[in-house]
Amino acid sequence: MQPGTASVARLLDNHAAWLAVTVVVGVLYESQNWGSQDMIFVWPVLLAVIADIRLPGLAPNRQFVIRLLAFAAIIPATLIIGERSVRAWAGVMRNQPLEH
């Protein structure tokens, strides 16, 4: 591997770099979109961070904190989806069949 290729590979294997790129691109996209994405574009990177067993070069307590923060970032959208699902289910339970 050439020196330039090794440094690019090292950069692409960095969670912080992917998170930064994802946030910048997501914010640019969201600034052009009036709908709310609830930072859902960050989920793939956060799930990769959570699933990565090694998190190289970090002490175990820092790994725990990083994973905890990643889970905390996912909580708001998950709660909104859950709340809307329960509301829709509750509304369906009150439906009455139409008489023809």
Protein backbone atom coordinates (compact mmCIF):
# COMPACT_ATOMS: atom_id res chain seq x y z
CA MET A 1 0.00 0.00 0.00
CA GLN A 2 1.31 3.45 -0.87
CA PRO A 3 1.74 6.07 1.87
CA GLY A 4 -1.12 8.22 0.54
CA THR A 5 -3.42 5.23 0.31
CA ALA A 6 -2.62 4.15 3.86
CA SER A 7 -3.50 7.58 5.26
CA VAL A 8 -6.78 7.68 3.31
CA ALA A 9 -7.63 4.17 4.52
CA ARG A 10 -6.88 5.21 8.11
CA LEU A 11 -9.13 8.27 7.73
CA LEU A 12 -11.99 6.21 6.27
CA ASP A 13 -11.73 3.73 9.16
CA ASN A 14 -12.38 6.51 11.69
CA HIS A 15 -15.85 6.77 13.27
CA ALA A 16 -15.42 10.45 14.07
CA ALA A 17 -14.68 11.27 10.42
CA TRP A 18 -17.79 9.42 9.22
CA LEU A 19 -19.92 11.06 11.89
CA ALA A 20 -18.63 14.52 10.92
CA VAL A 21 -19.29 13.92 7.21
CA THR A 22 -22.75 12.55 7.91
CA VAL A 23 -23.71 15.48 10.14
CA VAL A 24 -22.46 18.09 7.64
CA VAL A 25 -24.23 16.45 4.69
CA GLY A 26 -27.38 15.87 6.75
CA VAL A 27 -27.53 19.47 7.96
CA LEU A 28 -27.04 20.74 4.41
CA TYR A 29 -29.82 18.44 3.21
CA GLU A 30 -32.10 19.41 6.08
CA SER A 31 -31.52 23.12 5.42
CA GLN A 32 -33.05 22.59 1.95
CA ASN A 33 -35.94 20.53 3.30
CA TRP A 34 -38.77 21.96 5.39
CA GLY A 35 -39.78 18.54 6.70
CA SER A 36 -38.23 17.21 9.87
CA GLN A 37 -35.83 14.29 9.49
CA ASP A 38 -35.17 14.12 13.27
CA MET A 39 -31.47 13.48 12.63
CA ILE A 40 -32.38 10.07 11.22
CA PHE A 41 -29.52 10.42 8.74
CA VAL A 42 -27.06 9.93 11.61
CA TRP A 43 -28.50 6.52 12.59
CA PRO A 44 -26.34 4.38 10.24
CA VAL A 45 -23.13 5.87 11.61
CA LEU A 46 -24.33 5.64 15.22
CA LEU A 47 -25.36 2.02 14.76
CA ALA A 48 -21.93 1.28 13.29
CA VAL A 49 -20.30 2.89 16.34
CA ILE A 50 -22.51 0.89 18.70
CA ALA A 51 -21.91 -2.37 16.85
CA ASP A 52 -18.13 -1.91 16.53
CA ILE A 53 -16.71 -4.07 19.29
CA ARG A 54 -13.18 -2.78 19.14
CA LEU A 55 -13.35 1.06 19.15
CA PRO A 56 -9.55 1.06 18.92
CA GLY A 57 -7.37 3.03 21.27
CA LEU A 58 -10.06 3.86 23.81
CA ALA A 59 -10.28 2.85 27.43
CA PRO A 60 -13.31 0.68 28.31
CA ASN A 61 -15.01 3.47 30.25
CA ARG A 62 -14.73 5.82 27.24
CA GLN A 63 -16.11 3.13 24.96
CA PHE A 64 -19.09 2.81 27.29
CA VAL A 65 -19.68 6.58 27.26
CA ILE A 66 -19.48 6.74 23.45
CA ARG A 67 -21.97 3.90 23.08
CA LEU A 68 -24.25 5.47 25.68
CA LEU A 69 -24.23 8.80 23.81
CA ALA A 70 -24.94 7.00 20.53
CA PHE A 71 -27.95 5.27 22.10
CA ALA A 72 -29.10 8.60 23.59
CA ALA A 73 -29.04 10.23 20.14
CA ILE A 74 -31.40 7.55 18.82
CA ILE A 75 -33.93 7.83 21.67
CA PRO A 76 -35.94 10.93 20.53
CA ALA A 77 -36.83 9.63 17.08
CA THR A 78 -37.57 6.18 18.47
CA LEU A 79 -39.97 7.65 21.04
CA ILE A 80 -41.73 9.76 18.39
CA ILE A 81 -42.20 6.71 16.15
CA GLY A 82 -43.45 4.66 19.10
CA GLU A 83 -45.86 7.37 20.23
CA ARG A 84 -47.33 7.81 16.75
CA SER A 85 -47.68 4.04 16.36
CA VAL A 86 -49.56 3.71 19.65
CA ARG A 87 -51.82 6.64 18.75
CA ALA A 88 -52.62 5.09 15.37
CA TRP A 89 -53.33 1.73 17.01
CA ALA A 90 -55.60 3.38 19.60
CA GLY A 91 -57.48 5.18 16.82
CA VAL A 92 -57.99 1.95 14.88
CA MET A 93 -59.46 0.27 17.95
CA ARG A 94 -62.27 2.86 18.01
CA ASN A 95 -63.21 2.42 14.34
CA GLN A 96 -66.73 1.25 13.58
CA PRO A 97 -67.69 -0.61 10.41
CA LEU A 98 -69.59 1.47 7.86
CA GLU A 99 -73.14 0.48 7.05
CA HIS A 100 -73.81 0.07 3.34
